[in-house]
PDB file of N, CA and C in Angstrom:
ATOM      1  N   MET A   1      -3.449 -17.751   3.012  1.00  0.00           N
ATOM      2  CA  MET A   1      -3.511 -15.883   2.465  1.00  0.00           C
ATOM      3  C   MET A   1      -3.934 -15.166   4.126  1.00  0.00           C
ATOM      4  N   ALA A   2      -3.252 -14.609   4.016  1.00  0.00           N
ATOM      5  CA  ALA A   2      -4.153 -12.564   4.468  1.00  0.00           C
ATOM      6  C   ALA A   2      -3.825 -11.876   4.330  1.00  0.00           C
ATOM      7  N   ARG A   3      -4.510 -10.396   4.402  1.00  0.00           N
ATOM      8  CA  ARG A   3      -5.081  -9.423   3.501  1.00  0.00           C
ATOM      9  C   ARG A   3      -5.258  -8.157   4.623  1.00  0.00           C
ATOM     10  N   LYS A   4      -4.370  -7.779   4.667  1.00  0.00           N
ATOM     11  CA  LYS A   4      -3.373  -6.749   5.844  1.00  0.00           C
ATOM     12  C   LYS A   4      -4.025  -5.345   4.531  1.00  0.00           C
ATOM     13  N   HIS A   5      -5.288  -4.748   6.021  1.00  0.00           N
ATOM     14  CA  HIS A   5      -6.141  -4.009   4.488  1.00  0.00           C
ATOM     15  C   HIS A   5      -6.081  -2.193   5.208  1.00  0.00           C
ATOM     16  N   VAL A   6      -5.817  -2.374   6.295  1.00  0.00           N
ATOM     17  CA  VAL A   6      -6.621  -1.442   8.030  1.00  0.00           C
ATOM     18  C   VAL A   6      -5.305  -0.529   8.254  1.00  0.00           C
ATOM     19  N   LYS A   7      -4.674  -2.205   7.732  1.00  0.00           N
ATOM     20  CA  LYS A   7      -3.326  -1.178   8.671  1.00  0.00           C
ATOM     21  C   LYS A   7      -2.137  -1.926   8.217  1.00  0.00           C
ATOM     22  N   ILE A   8      -0.879  -1.608   8.820  1.00  0.00           N
ATOM     23  CA  ILE A   8       0.258  -2.568   8.383  1.00  0.00           C
ATOM     24  C   ILE A   8       0.933  -3.556   9.943  1.00  0.00           C
ATOM     25  N   GLU A   9       1.509  -4.259   9.785  1.00  0.00           N
ATOM     26  CA  GLU A   9       1.991  -4.716  10.999  1.00  0.00           C
ATOM     27  C   GLU A   9       2.923  -5.075  10.989  1.00  0.00           C
ATOM     28  N   PRO A  10       4.007  -5.024  13.046  1.00  0.00           N
ATOM     29  CA  PRO A  10       5.559  -5.085  13.291  1.00  0.00           C
ATOM     30  C   PRO A  10       6.156  -5.975  12.296  1.00  0.00           C
ATOM     31  N   ASP A  11       6.818  -5.947  11.821  1.00  0.00           N
ATOM     32  CA  ASP A  11       7.691  -6.348  10.616  1.00  0.00           C
ATOM     33  C   ASP A  11       7.991  -8.378  11.949  1.00  0.00           C
ATOM     34  N   ARG A  12       8.149  -8.053  12.432  1.00  0.00           N
ATOM     35  CA  ARG A  12       7.871  -9.378  13.205  1.00  0.00           C
ATOM     36  C   ARG A  12       6.842 -10.282  12.550  1.00  0.00           C
ATOM     37  N   TRP A  13       6.110  -9.945  12.917  1.00  0.00           N
ATOM     38  CA  TRP A  13       4.375 -10.411  11.916  1.00  0.00           C
ATOM     39  C   TRP A  13       5.116 -10.984  10.708  1.00  0.00           C
ATOM     40  N   TYR A  14       5.290 -10.409   9.832  1.00  0.00           N
ATOM     41  CA  TYR A  14       6.514 -10.998   8.348  1.00  0.00           C
ATOM     42  C   TYR A  14       7.239 -11.385   8.531  1.00  0.00           C
ATOM     43  N   TYR A  15       7.857 -11.098   9.540  1.00  0.00           N
ATOM     44  CA  TYR A  15       9.039 -12.772   9.049  1.00  0.00           C
ATOM     45  C   TYR A  15       7.967 -13.704   9.688  1.00  0.00           C
ATOM     46  N   TRP A  16       7.463 -13.388  10.825  1.00  0.00           N
ATOM     47  CA  TRP A  16       6.133 -15.151  10.902  1.00  0.00           C
ATOM     48  C   TRP A  16       6.117 -16.212  10.624  1.00  0.00           C
ATOM     49  N   CYS A  17       5.452 -14.723   9.240  1.00  0.00           N
ATOM     50  CA  CYS A  17       4.622 -14.973   8.111  1.00  0.00           C
ATOM     51  C   CYS A  17       5.877 -15.716   7.118  1.00  0.00           C
ATOM     52  N   ASP A  18       7.178 -14.972   7.253  1.00  0.00           N
ATOM     53  CA  ASP A  18       7.972 -15.600   6.326  1.00  0.00           C
ATOM     54  C   ASP A  18       7.737 -17.179   6.864  1.00  0.00           C
ATOM     55  N   LYS A  19       8.430 -17.656   7.763  1.00  0.00           N
ATOM     56  CA  LYS A  19       8.680 -18.939   8.008  1.00  0.00           C
ATOM     57  C   LYS A  19       7.721 -19.958   8.253  1.00  0.00           C
ATOM     58  N   LEU A  20       6.365 -19.393   8.407  1.00  0.00           N
ATOM     59  CA  LEU A  20       5.235 -20.039   8.118  1.00  0.00           C
ATOM     60  C   LEU A  20       4.971 -20.372   6.895  1.00  0.00           C
ATOM     61  N   GLY A  21       5.554 -20.148   6.005  1.00  0.00           N
ATOM     62  CA  GLY A  21       5.143 -20.307   4.779  1.00  0.00           C
ATOM     63  C   GLY A  21       3.526 -18.897   4.736  1.00  0.00           C
ATOM     64  N   LEU A  22       2.786 -18.283   5.109  1.00  0.00           N
ATOM     65  CA  LEU A  22       1.172 -17.462   5.269  1.00  0.00           C
ATOM     66  C   LEU A  22       2.097 -16.680   3.852  1.00  0.00           C
ATOM     67  N   LEU A  23       1.471 -16.442   2.787  1.00  0.00           N
ATOM     68  CA  LEU A  23       1.045 -15.143   1.855  1.00  0.00           C
ATOM     69  C   LEU A  23       0.657 -14.309   2.406  1.00  0.00           C
ATOM     70  N   VAL A  24       1.131 -13.408   2.643  1.00  0.00           N
ATOM     71  CA  VAL A  24       0.963 -11.885   2.652  1.00  0.00           C
ATOM     72  C   VAL A  24      -0.260 -11.075   1.180  1.00  0.00           C
ATOM     73  N   TRP A  25      -1.034 -10.926   0.934  1.00  0.00           N
ATOM     74  CA  TRP A  25      -1.410  -9.294   0.197  1.00  0.00           C
ATOM     75  C   TRP A  25      -1.688  -7.885   1.136  1.00  0.00           C
ATOM     76  N   GLN A  26      -0.610  -7.126   0.489  1.00  0.00           N
ATOM     77  CA  GLN A  26      -0.422  -6.105   1.535  1.00  0.00           C
ATOM     78  C   GLN A  26      -0.860  -5.070   1.388  1.00  0.00           C
ATOM     79  N   ASP A  27      -2.397  -4.156   1.029  1.00  0.00           N
ATOM     80  CA  ASP A  27      -2.634  -3.218   0.774  1.00  0.00           C
ATOM     81  C   ASP A  27      -2.102  -1.515   2.027  1.00  0.00           C
ATOM     82  N   MET A  28      -1.697  -0.783   0.576  1.00  0.00           N
ATOM     83  CA  MET A  28      -1.802   0.418   1.894  1.00  0.00           C
ATOM     84  C   MET A  28      -2.685   1.140   2.126  1.00  0.00           C
ATOM     85  N   PRO A  29      -2.630   1.376   3.189  1.00  0.00           N
ATOM     86  CA  PRO A  29      -3.435   1.966   3.762  1.00  0.00           C
ATOM     87  C   PRO A  29      -4.387   3.239   4.383  1.00  0.00           C
ATOM     88  N   SER A  30      -5.824   3.271   3.921  1.00  0.00           N
ATOM     89  CA  SER A  30      -6.279   4.667   3.271  1.00  0.00           C
ATOM     90  C   SER A  30      -5.632   6.217   3.071  1.00  0.00           C
ATOM     91  N   GLY A  31      -5.664   5.543   3.968  1.00  0.00           N
ATOM     92  CA  GLY A  31      -5.743   7.784   5.059  1.00  0.00           C
ATOM     93  C   GLY A  31      -6.835   8.399   4.366  1.00  0.00           C
ATOM     94  N   ASP A  32      -6.063   9.383   5.143  1.00  0.00           N
ATOM     95  CA  ASP A  32      -7.536  10.999   4.798  1.00  0.00           C
ATOM     96  C   ASP A  32      -8.123  10.976   5.238  1.00  0.00           C
ATOM     97  N   LYS A  33      -9.740  10.422   4.641  1.00  0.00           N
ATOM     98  CA  LYS A  33     -10.887  10.299   4.721  1.00  0.00           C
ATOM     99  C   LYS A  33     -11.542   8.786   4.254  1.00  0.00           C
ATOM    100  N   TYR A  34     -12.822   8.611   4.747  1.00  0.00           N
ATOM    101  CA  TYR A  34     -13.271   7.359   4.917  1.00  0.00           C
ATOM    102  C   TYR A  34     -14.591   8.100   4.016  1.00  0.00           C
ATOM    103  N   ILE A  35     -14.534   7.365   2.089  1.00  0.00           N
ATOM    104  CA  ILE A  35     -15.704   6.993   1.229  1.00  0.00           C
ATOM    105  C   ILE A  35     -16.681   6.212   1.913  1.00  0.00           C
ATOM    106  N   GLY A  36     -17.643   6.967   1.468  1.00  0.00           N
ATOM    107  CA  GLY A  36     -18.693   6.181   1.704  1.00  0.00           C
ATOM    108  C   GLY A  36     -19.643   5.760   0.566  1.00  0.00           C
ATOM    109  N   PRO A  37     -20.406   4.448   0.296  1.00  0.00           N
ATOM    110  CA  PRO A  37     -20.134   3.853  -0.755  1.00  0.00           C
ATOM    111  C   PRO A  37     -21.346   4.429  -2.031  1.00  0.00           C
ATOM    112  N   LYS A  38     -21.997   5.342  -1.922  1.00  0.00           N
ATOM    113  CA  LYS A  38     -22.709   6.395  -2.379  1.00  0.00           C
ATOM    114  C   LYS A  38     -22.302   8.120  -2.253  1.00  0.00           C
ATOM    115  N   ASP A  39     -20.883   8.151  -2.826  1.00  0.00           N
ATOM    116  CA  ASP A  39     -19.773   9.295  -1.923  1.00  0.00           C
ATOM    117  C   ASP A  39     -18.518   8.993  -2.931  1.00  0.00           C
ATOM    118  N   ALA A  40     -18.901  11.002  -3.827  1.00  0.00           N
ATOM    119  CA  ALA A  40     -18.542  10.754  -4.780  1.00  0.00           C
ATOM    120  C   ALA A  40     -16.200  10.709  -4.077  1.00  0.00           C
ATOM    121  N   ASP A  41     -15.492  10.320  -4.759  1.00  0.00           N
ATOM    122  CA  ASP A  41     -13.749  10.764  -4.394  1.00  0.00           C
ATOM    123  C   ASP A  41     -13.840  11.918  -3.751  1.00  0.00           C
ATOM    124  N   ILE A  42     -11.936  11.755  -2.977  1.00  0.00           N
ATOM    125  CA  ILE A  42     -11.752  12.620  -2.742  1.00  0.00           C
ATOM    126  C   ILE A  42     -11.298  13.393  -3.871  1.00  0.00           C
ATOM    127  N   THR A  43     -10.857  14.951  -3.389  1.00  0.00           N
ATOM    128  CA  THR A  43      -9.992  15.059  -3.876  1.00  0.00           C
ATOM    129  C   THR A  43      -8.503  15.626  -2.672  1.00  0.00           C
ATOM    130  N   ARG A  44      -7.078  14.935  -3.157  1.00  0.00           N
ATOM    131  CA  ARG A  44      -6.354  15.263  -2.955  1.00  0.00           C
ATOM    132  C   ARG A  44      -6.069  15.807  -2.896  1.00  0.00           C
ATOM    133  N   THR A  45      -4.810  17.122  -1.248  1.00  0.00           N
ATOM    134  CA  THR A  45      -4.024  18.125  -2.263  1.00  0.00           C
ATOM    135  C   THR A  45      -2.665  17.777  -2.601  1.00  0.00           C
ATOM    136  N   ALA A  46      -2.378  18.447  -3.547  1.00  0.00           N
ATOM    137  CA  ALA A  46      -0.510  17.480  -3.246  1.00  0.00           C
ATOM    138  C   ALA A  46      -0.553  17.202  -2.239  1.00  0.00           C
ATOM    139  N   GLU A  47       0.098  18.260  -1.356  1.00  0.00           N
ATOM    140  CA  GLU A  47       0.414  18.025   0.046  1.00  0.00           C
ATOM    141  C   GLU A  47      -0.001  16.868   0.801  1.00  0.00           C
ATOM    142  N   SER A  48      -1.580  16.419   0.600  1.00  0.00           N
ATOM    143  CA  SER A  48      -1.674  14.791   0.842  1.00  0.00           C
ATOM    144  C   SER A  48      -1.336  13.895  -0.112  1.00  0.00           C
ATOM    145  N   GLY A  49      -0.922  13.898  -1.592  1.00  0.00           N
ATOM    146  CA  GLY A  49      -0.470  13.484  -2.320  1.00  0.00           C
ATOM    147  C   GLY A  49       1.248  12.821  -2.443  1.00  0.00           C
ATOM    148  N   ARG A  50       1.595  13.766  -1.718  1.00  0.00           N
ATOM    149  CA  ARG A  50       3.318  13.665  -1.081  1.00  0.00           C
ATOM    150  C   ARG A  50       2.896  12.422  -0.689  1.00  0.00           C
ATOM    151  N   GLN A  51       2.018  12.860  -0.077  1.00  0.00           N
ATOM    152  CA  GLN A  51       2.427  12.192   1.916  1.00  0.00           C
ATOM    153  C   GLN A  51       2.226  11.247   1.781  1.00  0.00           C
ATOM    154  N   PHE A  52       1.347  10.716   1.146  1.00  0.00           N
ATOM    155  CA  PHE A  52       0.483   8.764   0.308  1.00  0.00           C
ATOM    156  C   PHE A  52       1.758   9.547   0.126  1.00  0.00           C
ATOM    157  N   GLU A  53       2.822   9.511  -1.564  1.00  0.00           N
ATOM    158  CA  GLU A  53       3.745   8.253  -1.278  1.00  0.00           C
ATOM    159  C   GLU A  53       5.275   8.067  -0.987  1.00  0.00           C
ATOM    160  N   GLN A  54       5.286   9.153   0.040  1.00  0.00           N
ATOM    161  CA  GLN A  54       6.379   9.054   1.321  1.00  0.00           C
ATOM    162  C   GLN A  54       5.832   7.953   1.699  1.00  0.00           C
ATOM    163  N   GLU A  55       4.621   7.305   2.158  1.00  0.00           N
ATOM    164  CA  GLU A  55       4.315   6.584   3.152  1.00  0.00           C
ATOM    165  C   GLU A  55       4.475   5.148   2.911  1.00  0.00           C
ATOM    166  N   LEU A  56       3.946   5.293   0.726  1.00  0.00           N
ATOM    167  CA  LEU A  56       3.566   4.376   0.094  1.00  0.00           C
ATOM    168  C   LEU A  56       5.661   3.075  -0.606  1.00  0.00           C
ATOM    169  N   THR A  57       5.638   4.815  -0.252  1.00  0.00           N
ATOM    170  CA  THR A  57       7.606   4.872  -0.310  1.00  0.00           C
ATOM    171  C   THR A  57       7.892   3.975   0.947  1.00  0.00           C
ATOM    172  N   ALA A  58       7.780   3.851   2.266  1.00  0.00           N
ATOM    173  CA  ALA A  58       7.948   3.757   3.375  1.00  0.00           C
ATOM    174  C   ALA A  58       8.144   2.438   3.513  1.00  0.00           C
ATOM    175  N   LEU A  59       6.870   2.279   3.052  1.00  0.00           N
ATOM    176  CA  LEU A  59       5.795   0.717   3.263  1.00  0.00           C
ATOM    177  C   LEU A  59       6.091  -0.927   2.110  1.00  0.00           C
ATOM    178  N   VAL A  60       7.170  -0.412   1.881  1.00  0.00           N
ATOM    179  CA  VAL A  60       7.341  -1.230   0.776  1.00  0.00           C
ATOM    180  C   VAL A  60       8.896  -1.366   0.527  1.00  0.00           C
ATOM    181  N   GLU A  61       9.956  -0.237   0.484  1.00  0.00           N
ATOM    182  CA  GLU A  61      10.923  -0.618   1.563  1.00  0.00           C
ATOM    183  C   GLU A  61      11.152  -0.199   3.213  1.00  0.00           C
ATOM    184  N   GLY A  62      10.294  -0.656   3.690  1.00  0.00           N
ATOM    185  CA  GLY A  62      10.064  -1.410   4.987  1.00  0.00           C
ATOM    186  C   GLY A  62       9.962  -2.708   5.064  1.00  0.00           C
ATOM    187  N   ARG A  63       9.029  -3.190   4.217  1.00  0.00           N
ATOM    188  CA  ARG A  63       8.465  -4.171   3.870  1.00  0.00           C
ATOM    189  C   ARG A  63       9.007  -5.972   3.133  1.00  0.00           C
ATOM    190  N   GLY A  64       9.632  -4.720   1.831  1.00  0.00           N
ATOM    191  CA  GLY A  64       9.314  -5.632   0.512  1.00  0.00           C
ATOM    192  C   GLY A  64      10.419  -6.135   0.559  1.00  0.00           C
ATOM    193  N   ASN A  65      11.509  -6.904   1.471  1.00  0.00           N
ATOM    194  CA  ASN A  65      12.452  -7.804   2.061  1.00  0.00           C
ATOM    195  C   ASN A  65      11.298  -9.074   1.916  1.00  0.00           C
ATOM    196  N   HIS A  66      10.197  -8.981   2.882  1.00  0.00           N
ATOM    197  CA  HIS A  66       9.548 -10.336   3.195  1.00  0.00           C
ATOM    198  C   HIS A  66       9.109 -11.253   1.558  1.00  0.00           C
ATOM    199  N   PRO A  67       9.413 -12.256   2.056  1.00  0.00           N
ATOM    200  CA  PRO A  67       8.731 -13.126   0.251  1.00  0.00           C
ATOM    201  C   PRO A  67       7.290 -13.201   0.656  1.00  0.00           C
ATOM    202  N   CYS A  68       6.747 -13.382   2.189  1.00  0.00           N
ATOM    203  CA  CYS A  68       5.330 -13.351   2.108  1.00  0.00           C
ATOM    204  C   CYS A  68       4.762 -12.331   1.440  1.00  0.00           C
ATOM    205  N   ILE A  69       5.340 -10.799   0.939  1.00  0.00           N
ATOM    206  CA  ILE A  69       3.745 -11.154   0.691  1.00  0.00           C
ATOM    207  C   ILE A  69       3.984 -10.763  -0.739  1.00  0.00           C
ATOM    208  N   VAL A  70       3.207 -11.509  -1.685  1.00  0.00           N
ATOM    209  CA  VAL A  70       3.380 -11.591  -2.578  1.00  0.00           C
ATOM    210  C   VAL A  70       2.134 -10.182  -3.784  1.00  0.00           C
ATOM    211  N   MET A  71       1.163  -9.383  -2.690  1.00  0.00           N
ATOM    212  CA  MET A  71       0.985  -9.239  -3.242  1.00  0.00           C
ATOM    213  C   MET A  71       0.571  -6.739  -2.716  1.00  0.00           C
ATOM    214  N   TRP A  72       1.753  -6.112  -3.598  1.00  0.00           N
ATOM    215  CA  TRP A  72       1.035  -4.675  -3.433  1.00  0.00           C
ATOM    216  C   TRP A  72      -0.060  -4.041  -3.600  1.00  0.00           C
ATOM    217  N   VAL A  73      -1.025  -3.514  -3.560  1.00  0.00           N
ATOM    218  CA  VAL A  73      -2.045  -2.643  -3.130  1.00  0.00           C
ATOM    219  C   VAL A  73      -2.276  -1.277  -2.822  1.00  0.00           C
ATOM    220  N   PRO A  74      -2.493   0.082  -3.988  1.00  0.00           N
ATOM    221  CA  PRO A  74      -1.718   0.547  -3.315  1.00  0.00           C
ATOM    222  C   PRO A  74      -3.284   0.896  -2.870  1.00  0.00           C
ATOM    223  N   TYR A  75      -4.606   0.570  -3.969  1.00  0.00           N
ATOM    224  CA  TYR A  75      -5.691   1.627  -3.594  1.00  0.00           C
ATOM    225  C   TYR A  75      -6.807   0.008  -2.617  1.00  0.00           C
ATOM    226  N   ASN A  76      -6.410   0.692  -1.338  1.00  0.00           N
ATOM    227  CA  ASN A  76      -7.731  -0.015  -0.235  1.00  0.00           C
ATOM    228  C   ASN A  76      -9.093   0.378  -0.859  1.00  0.00           C
ATOM    229  N   GLU A  77      -9.789  -0.767  -2.201  1.00  0.00           N
ATOM    230  CA  GLU A  77     -10.938  -0.651  -2.258  1.00  0.00           C
ATOM    231  C   GLU A  77     -11.562   0.398  -2.029  1.00  0.00           C
ATOM    232  N   GLY A  78     -10.476   1.503  -3.563  1.00  0.00           N
ATOM    233  CA  GLY A  78     -10.521   2.678  -3.910  1.00  0.00           C
ATOM    234  C   GLY A  78     -10.382   4.070  -3.487  1.00  0.00           C
ATOM    235  N   TRP A  79     -10.793   3.531  -1.906  1.00  0.00           N
ATOM    236  CA  TRP A  79     -10.562   4.244  -0.987  1.00  0.00           C
ATOM    237  C   TRP A  79      -9.549   5.148  -1.239  1.00  0.00           C
ATOM    238  N   GLY A  80     -10.003   6.536  -1.257  1.00  0.00           N
ATOM    239  CA  GLY A  80      -7.730   7.774  -1.462  1.00  0.00           C
ATOM    240  C   GLY A  80      -7.885   7.513  -2.315  1.00  0.00           C
ATOM    241  N   GLN A  81      -9.092   6.666  -3.581  1.00  0.00           N
ATOM    242  CA  GLN A  81      -7.591   6.292  -5.384  1.00  0.00           C
ATOM    243  C   GLN A  81      -7.749   8.603  -5.448  1.00  0.00           C
ATOM    244  N   TRP A  82      -6.470   9.126  -6.216  1.00  0.00           N
ATOM    245  CA  TRP A  82      -5.980   9.651  -6.601  1.00  0.00           C
ATOM    246  C   TRP A  82      -5.236   9.104  -8.161  1.00  0.00           C
ATOM    247  N   THR A  83      -5.092   9.981  -8.673  1.00  0.00           N
ATOM    248  CA  THR A  83      -3.535  10.046  -9.940  1.00  0.00           C
ATOM    249  C   THR A  83      -3.671   8.823 -10.516  1.00  0.00           C
ATOM    250  N   GLN A  84      -5.300   8.344 -10.680  1.00  0.00           N
ATOM    251  CA  GLN A  84      -4.502   6.509 -11.550  1.00  0.00           C
ATOM    252  C   GLN A  84      -3.272   5.932 -11.876  1.00  0.00           C
ATOM    253  N   ARG A  85      -3.859   7.139 -13.468  1.00  0.00           N
ATOM    254  CA  ARG A  85      -2.750   6.930 -14.786  1.00  0.00           C
ATOM    255  C   ARG A  85      -1.157   7.264 -13.692  1.00  0.00           C
ATOM    256  N   GLY A  86      -1.312   7.885 -13.288  1.00  0.00           N
ATOM    257  CA  GLY A  86       0.424   8.062 -12.680  1.00  0.00           C
ATOM    258  C   GLY A  86       1.378   7.278 -12.002  1.00  0.00           C
ATOM    259  N   LEU A  87       0.344   7.141 -10.822  1.00  0.00           N
ATOM    260  CA  LEU A  87       0.982   5.743  -9.792  1.00  0.00           C
ATOM    261  C   LEU A  87       1.258   4.438  -9.670  1.00  0.00           C
ATOM    262  N   PRO A  88       0.825   3.846 -10.473  1.00  0.00           N
ATOM    263  CA  PRO A  88       1.107   2.925 -11.058  1.00  0.00           C
ATOM    264  C   PRO A  88       2.306   2.880 -12.377  1.00  0.00           C
ATOM    265  N   THR A  89       1.747   3.980 -12.745  1.00  0.00           N
ATOM    266  CA  THR A  89       3.829   3.878 -13.529  1.00  0.00           C
ATOM    267  C   THR A  89       4.639   4.424 -12.777  1.00  0.00           C
ATOM    268  N   TRP A  90       4.253   5.353 -10.900  1.00  0.00           N
ATOM    269  CA  TRP A  90       5.718   5.280 -10.710  1.00  0.00           C
ATOM    270  C   TRP A  90       5.389   4.526  -9.447  1.00  0.00           C
ATOM    271  N   SER A  91       4.727   3.410  -9.876  1.00  0.00           N
ATOM    272  CA  SER A  91       5.803   2.207  -8.848  1.00  0.00           C
ATOM    273  C   SER A  91       5.289   1.308  -9.927  1.00  0.00           C
ATOM    274  N   LYS A  92       5.731   1.482 -10.429  1.00  0.00           N
ATOM    275  CA  LYS A  92       6.839   0.576 -11.124  1.00  0.00           C
ATOM    276  C   LYS A  92       8.028   0.977 -11.401  1.00  0.00           C
ATOM    277  N   THR A  93       8.527   2.319 -12.551  1.00  0.00           N
ATOM    278  CA  THR A  93       9.394   2.407 -12.588  1.00  0.00           C
ATOM    279  C   THR A  93      10.296   2.372 -10.785  1.00  0.00           C
ATOM    280  N   TRP A  94       9.774   3.148 -10.513  1.00  0.00           N
ATOM    281  CA  TRP A  94       9.857   2.175  -8.736  1.00  0.00           C
ATOM    282  C   TRP A  94      10.936   1.708  -8.180  1.00  0.00           C
ATOM    283  N   THR A  95      10.164   0.670  -8.224  1.00  0.00           N
ATOM    284  CA  THR A  95      10.275  -1.462  -7.904  1.00  0.00           C
ATOM    285  C   THR A  95      10.672  -1.993  -8.823  1.00  0.00           C
ATOM    286  N   ARG A  96      11.118  -1.162 -10.092  1.00  0.00           N
ATOM    287  CA  ARG A  96      11.719  -1.743 -10.668  1.00  0.00           C
ATOM    288  C   ARG A  96      13.499  -1.493 -10.702  1.00  0.00           C
ATOM    289  N   ALA A  97      13.386  -0.255  -9.577  1.00  0.00           N
ATOM    290  CA  ALA A  97      14.604   0.661  -9.665  1.00  0.00           C
ATOM    291  C   ALA A  97      15.551  -0.234  -8.437  1.00  0.00           C
ATOM    292  N   GLY A  98      14.786  -1.280  -8.130  1.00  0.00           N
ATOM    293  CA  GLY A  98      14.617  -1.649  -6.332  1.00  0.00           C
ATOM    294  C   GLY A  98      14.344  -1.078  -5.368  1.00  0.00           C
ATOM    295  N   TRP A  99      14.474  -1.548  -3.750  1.00  0.00           N
ATOM    296  CA  TRP A  99      14.262  -0.880  -3.153  1.00  0.00           C
ATOM    297  C   TRP A  99      15.217  -1.111  -1.908  1.00  0.00           C
TER     298      TRP A  99
END
């Protein structure tokens, strides 16, 4: 298994993971800013939140057809967390509708 938590690889990388049977755990890159262990969570602006959702949608739509991806993780180790209650509901509704 490979965990991709800082970046999204080119489509060709996922193609080869599919071919070779390598499982992928894909995190959404966190964006905004780094949060240290003693730092408080960031407060995203509405614009930043919309951008995050747009980029998460693009990630899943762009790579969602690869069977190697066995887990989608919207928050990388808590960096950039926001709307913890809203995003999972949005994700479930969106993924059930299909991409």
